[in-house]
N, C-alpha and C. Protein backbone atom coordinates (compact mmCIF):
# COMPACT_ATOMS: atom_id res chain seq x y z
N UNK A 1 -3.11 31.41 -2.71
CA UNK A 1 -2.61 30.04 -2.73
C UNK A 1 -2.58 29.56 -4.17
N UNK A 2 -1.42 29.11 -4.62
CA UNK A 2 -1.30 28.61 -5.97
C UNK A 2 -1.45 27.09 -5.96
N UNK A 3 -2.27 26.59 -6.88
CA UNK A 3 -2.49 25.16 -7.02
C UNK A 3 -1.88 24.69 -8.33
N UNK A 4 -1.36 23.47 -8.32
CA UNK A 4 -0.76 22.87 -9.51
C UNK A 4 -1.63 21.70 -9.94
N UNK A 5 -2.00 21.68 -11.21
CA UNK A 5 -2.77 20.56 -11.76
C UNK A 5 -1.81 19.40 -12.00
N UNK A 6 -2.08 18.26 -11.35
CA UNK A 6 -1.22 17.08 -11.52
C UNK A 6 -1.89 16.02 -12.38
N UNK A 7 -2.95 16.42 -13.07
CA UNK A 7 -3.62 15.52 -14.00
C UNK A 7 -4.96 15.05 -13.49
N UNK A 8 -5.87 14.83 -14.43
CA UNK A 8 -7.21 14.31 -14.16
C UNK A 8 -8.00 15.20 -13.20
N UNK A 9 -7.73 16.50 -13.24
CA UNK A 9 -8.45 17.44 -12.39
C UNK A 9 -7.98 17.49 -10.95
N UNK A 10 -6.89 16.83 -10.64
CA UNK A 10 -6.34 16.84 -9.29
C UNK A 10 -5.38 18.01 -9.13
N UNK A 11 -5.47 18.68 -7.99
CA UNK A 11 -4.63 19.84 -7.71
C UNK A 11 -3.88 19.64 -6.40
N UNK A 12 -2.68 20.22 -6.33
CA UNK A 12 -1.90 20.22 -5.09
C UNK A 12 -1.43 21.65 -4.83
N UNK A 13 -1.15 21.95 -3.59
CA UNK A 13 -0.69 23.27 -3.20
C UNK A 13 0.79 23.42 -3.56
N UNK A 14 1.10 24.43 -4.35
CA UNK A 14 2.48 24.65 -4.80
C UNK A 14 3.41 24.98 -3.64
N UNK A 15 2.90 25.65 -2.63
CA UNK A 15 3.75 26.05 -1.51
C UNK A 15 4.14 24.88 -0.61
N UNK A 16 3.48 23.75 -0.76
CA UNK A 16 3.77 22.59 0.09
C UNK A 16 4.68 21.57 -0.58
N UNK A 17 5.02 21.79 -1.85
CA UNK A 17 5.84 20.84 -2.60
C UNK A 17 7.32 20.98 -2.22
N UNK A 18 7.96 19.86 -1.94
CA UNK A 18 9.39 19.84 -1.67
C UNK A 18 10.15 19.44 -2.93
N UNK A 19 9.67 18.38 -3.61
CA UNK A 19 10.37 17.89 -4.79
C UNK A 19 9.41 17.22 -5.75
N UNK A 20 9.76 17.27 -7.04
CA UNK A 20 9.05 16.56 -8.09
C UNK A 20 10.10 15.71 -8.78
N UNK A 21 9.98 14.39 -8.68
CA UNK A 21 11.02 13.50 -9.18
C UNK A 21 10.42 12.41 -10.07
N UNK A 22 11.29 11.80 -10.85
CA UNK A 22 10.90 10.66 -11.67
C UNK A 22 10.73 9.43 -10.77
N UNK A 23 9.92 8.51 -11.22
CA UNK A 23 9.63 7.33 -10.39
C UNK A 23 10.51 6.13 -10.70
N UNK A 24 11.54 6.31 -11.49
CA UNK A 24 12.32 5.17 -12.00
C UNK A 24 13.40 4.64 -11.07
N UNK A 25 13.96 5.46 -10.20
CA UNK A 25 15.11 5.01 -9.40
C UNK A 25 14.70 4.15 -8.21
N UNK A 26 15.61 3.33 -7.77
CA UNK A 26 15.36 2.45 -6.63
C UNK A 26 15.06 3.22 -5.34
N UNK A 27 15.78 4.31 -5.03
CA UNK A 27 15.46 5.04 -3.80
C UNK A 27 14.05 5.63 -3.81
N UNK A 28 13.58 6.07 -4.96
CA UNK A 28 12.22 6.61 -5.05
C UNK A 28 11.20 5.49 -4.90
N UNK A 29 11.50 4.34 -5.46
CA UNK A 29 10.60 3.19 -5.29
C UNK A 29 10.51 2.78 -3.82
N UNK A 30 11.64 2.87 -3.09
CA UNK A 30 11.62 2.60 -1.65
C UNK A 30 10.81 3.64 -0.91
N UNK A 31 10.95 4.91 -1.32
CA UNK A 31 10.18 5.99 -0.72
C UNK A 31 8.68 5.76 -0.90
N UNK A 32 8.29 5.31 -2.09
CA UNK A 32 6.89 5.01 -2.36
C UNK A 32 6.41 3.87 -1.48
N UNK A 33 7.22 2.83 -1.38
CA UNK A 33 6.86 1.67 -0.55
C UNK A 33 6.72 2.06 0.92
N UNK A 34 7.62 2.88 1.42
CA UNK A 34 7.56 3.34 2.81
C UNK A 34 6.32 4.20 3.05
N UNK A 35 6.00 5.07 2.10
CA UNK A 35 4.82 5.93 2.24
C UNK A 35 3.55 5.10 2.23
N UNK A 36 3.54 4.07 1.41
CA UNK A 36 2.36 3.19 1.36
C UNK A 36 2.15 2.48 2.70
N UNK A 37 3.24 2.01 3.30
CA UNK A 37 3.12 1.32 4.58
C UNK A 37 2.73 2.27 5.72
N UNK A 38 3.15 3.56 5.62
CA UNK A 38 2.79 4.55 6.63
C UNK A 38 1.40 5.16 6.41
N UNK A 39 0.83 4.93 5.23
CA UNK A 39 -0.48 5.50 4.93
C UNK A 39 -0.43 6.93 4.44
N UNK A 40 0.72 7.36 3.94
CA UNK A 40 0.87 8.73 3.45
C UNK A 40 1.01 8.80 1.93
N UNK A 41 0.70 7.70 1.25
CA UNK A 41 0.79 7.66 -0.21
C UNK A 41 -0.55 8.06 -0.81
N UNK A 42 -0.52 8.96 -1.79
CA UNK A 42 -1.72 9.36 -2.52
C UNK A 42 -1.49 9.01 -3.98
N UNK A 43 -2.30 8.11 -4.51
CA UNK A 43 -2.17 7.66 -5.89
C UNK A 43 -3.15 8.43 -6.76
N UNK A 44 -2.65 9.36 -7.56
CA UNK A 44 -3.49 10.17 -8.44
C UNK A 44 -3.25 9.80 -9.90
N UNK A 45 -2.89 8.53 -10.15
CA UNK A 45 -2.58 8.09 -11.51
C UNK A 45 -3.79 7.57 -12.26
N UNK A 46 -4.87 7.28 -11.55
CA UNK A 46 -6.08 6.70 -12.16
C UNK A 46 -5.75 5.44 -12.94
N UNK A 47 -4.86 4.61 -12.39
CA UNK A 47 -4.52 3.33 -12.99
C UNK A 47 -3.49 3.39 -14.10
N UNK A 48 -3.01 4.56 -14.42
CA UNK A 48 -2.01 4.69 -15.46
C UNK A 48 -0.60 4.55 -14.87
N UNK A 49 0.40 4.53 -15.74
CA UNK A 49 1.78 4.40 -15.29
C UNK A 49 2.20 5.63 -14.50
N UNK A 50 2.87 5.40 -13.38
CA UNK A 50 3.40 6.51 -12.58
C UNK A 50 4.60 7.10 -13.29
N UNK A 51 4.53 8.40 -13.57
CA UNK A 51 5.62 9.08 -14.27
C UNK A 51 6.34 10.08 -13.37
N UNK A 52 5.62 10.65 -12.42
CA UNK A 52 6.24 11.61 -11.50
C UNK A 52 5.79 11.33 -10.08
N UNK A 53 6.68 11.62 -9.15
CA UNK A 53 6.40 11.48 -7.73
C UNK A 53 6.58 12.86 -7.11
N UNK A 54 5.54 13.34 -6.43
CA UNK A 54 5.60 14.65 -5.79
C UNK A 54 5.74 14.42 -4.29
N UNK A 55 6.78 15.00 -3.71
CA UNK A 55 7.03 14.86 -2.28
C UNK A 55 6.61 16.15 -1.60
N UNK A 56 5.73 16.04 -0.62
CA UNK A 56 5.17 17.20 0.05
C UNK A 56 5.84 17.41 1.41
N UNK A 57 5.71 18.61 1.96
CA UNK A 57 6.32 18.91 3.26
C UNK A 57 5.62 18.21 4.42
N UNK A 58 4.45 17.64 4.18
CA UNK A 58 3.71 16.92 5.21
C UNK A 58 4.05 15.43 5.23
N UNK A 59 5.11 15.04 4.51
CA UNK A 59 5.53 13.64 4.35
C UNK A 59 4.60 12.83 3.47
N UNK A 60 3.66 13.48 2.80
CA UNK A 60 2.83 12.77 1.83
C UNK A 60 3.61 12.61 0.54
N UNK A 61 3.38 11.48 -0.12
CA UNK A 61 4.00 11.19 -1.40
C UNK A 61 2.86 11.00 -2.38
N UNK A 62 2.88 11.77 -3.47
CA UNK A 62 1.78 11.76 -4.44
C UNK A 62 2.30 11.21 -5.75
N UNK A 63 1.60 10.21 -6.28
CA UNK A 63 1.94 9.62 -7.56
C UNK A 63 1.06 10.25 -8.63
N UNK A 64 1.65 10.60 -9.76
CA UNK A 64 0.90 11.19 -10.86
C UNK A 64 1.35 10.59 -12.19
N UNK A 65 0.46 10.59 -13.16
CA UNK A 65 0.74 10.03 -14.48
C UNK A 65 1.31 11.08 -15.43
N UNK A 66 1.59 12.27 -14.92
CA UNK A 66 2.12 13.37 -15.73
C UNK A 66 3.65 13.39 -15.57
N UNK A 67 4.35 13.72 -16.64
CA UNK A 67 5.81 13.79 -16.61
C UNK A 67 6.29 14.82 -15.58
N UNK A 68 7.43 14.58 -14.91
CA UNK A 68 7.95 15.54 -13.93
C UNK A 68 8.18 16.93 -14.52
N UNK A 69 8.64 16.99 -15.77
CA UNK A 69 8.89 18.27 -16.42
C UNK A 69 7.60 19.05 -16.61
N UNK A 70 6.51 18.34 -16.90
CA UNK A 70 5.21 18.98 -17.08
C UNK A 70 4.70 19.55 -15.77
N UNK A 71 4.81 18.78 -14.70
CA UNK A 71 4.37 19.25 -13.39
C UNK A 71 5.20 20.46 -12.97
N UNK A 72 6.51 20.40 -13.19
CA UNK A 72 7.38 21.52 -12.83
C UNK A 72 7.04 22.76 -13.65
N UNK A 73 6.74 22.57 -14.92
CA UNK A 73 6.35 23.69 -15.77
C UNK A 73 5.06 24.33 -15.31
N UNK A 74 4.13 23.52 -14.89
CA UNK A 74 2.86 24.03 -14.37
C UNK A 74 3.07 24.77 -13.06
N UNK A 75 4.03 24.32 -12.28
CA UNK A 75 4.32 24.98 -11.00
C UNK A 75 4.95 26.34 -11.22
N UNK A 76 5.69 26.51 -12.33
CA UNK A 76 6.33 27.78 -12.62
C UNK A 76 5.34 28.89 -12.89
N UNK A 77 4.17 28.53 -13.39
CA UNK A 77 3.13 29.52 -13.65
C UNK A 77 3.48 30.44 -14.80
N UNK A 78 2.75 30.30 -15.91
CA UNK A 78 3.04 31.13 -17.07
C UNK A 78 1.96 32.18 -17.28
N UNK A 79 1.27 32.55 -16.23
CA UNK A 79 0.27 33.61 -16.33
C UNK A 79 -1.06 33.12 -16.83
N UNK A 80 -1.17 32.83 -18.12
CA UNK A 80 -2.45 32.44 -18.70
C UNK A 80 -2.68 30.95 -18.71
N UNK A 81 -1.81 30.19 -18.14
CA UNK A 81 -1.93 28.73 -18.13
C UNK A 81 -3.03 28.30 -17.18
N UNK A 82 -3.97 27.52 -17.68
CA UNK A 82 -5.08 27.07 -16.85
C UNK A 82 -4.69 25.92 -15.94
N UNK A 83 -3.51 25.35 -16.12
CA UNK A 83 -3.10 24.20 -15.32
C UNK A 83 -2.62 24.62 -13.93
N UNK A 84 -2.28 25.88 -13.75
CA UNK A 84 -1.90 26.38 -12.43
C UNK A 84 -2.87 27.50 -12.06
N UNK A 85 -3.43 27.42 -10.87
CA UNK A 85 -4.43 28.39 -10.45
C UNK A 85 -3.91 29.15 -9.24
N UNK A 86 -3.91 30.46 -9.32
CA UNK A 86 -3.51 31.29 -8.20
C UNK A 86 -4.73 32.04 -7.71
N UNK A 87 -5.39 31.52 -6.71
CA UNK A 87 -6.62 32.12 -6.22
C UNK A 87 -6.37 33.40 -5.45
N UNK A 88 -5.14 33.61 -4.99
CA UNK A 88 -4.83 34.81 -4.24
C UNK A 88 -4.86 36.07 -5.09
N UNK A 89 -4.65 35.95 -6.40
CA UNK A 89 -4.60 37.12 -7.26
C UNK A 89 -5.91 37.35 -8.02
N UNK A 90 -6.85 36.45 -7.94
CA UNK A 90 -8.10 36.60 -8.68
C UNK A 90 -9.12 37.37 -7.86
N UNK A 91 -9.95 38.11 -8.55
CA UNK A 91 -10.97 38.92 -7.87
C UNK A 91 -12.30 38.22 -7.97
């Protein structure tokens, strides 16, 4: 299972991610509002500005203070990068 660091020591499962998007557009703001009302919003910003929104296959919406490009880069896995952890390959 590969985990992606979304900042402040928080990790998410890479296999469950549907999309990583910017938080600036009106449709994404509506998505955040709907998730909050349904109770499926996870705020991992620690009070900082929301820069990326991660949409999971479980209908959870995760807010993070890390840029979308950074999260996507961590998801790509560069082998020695400590920001992405693949526990399936470690002994």
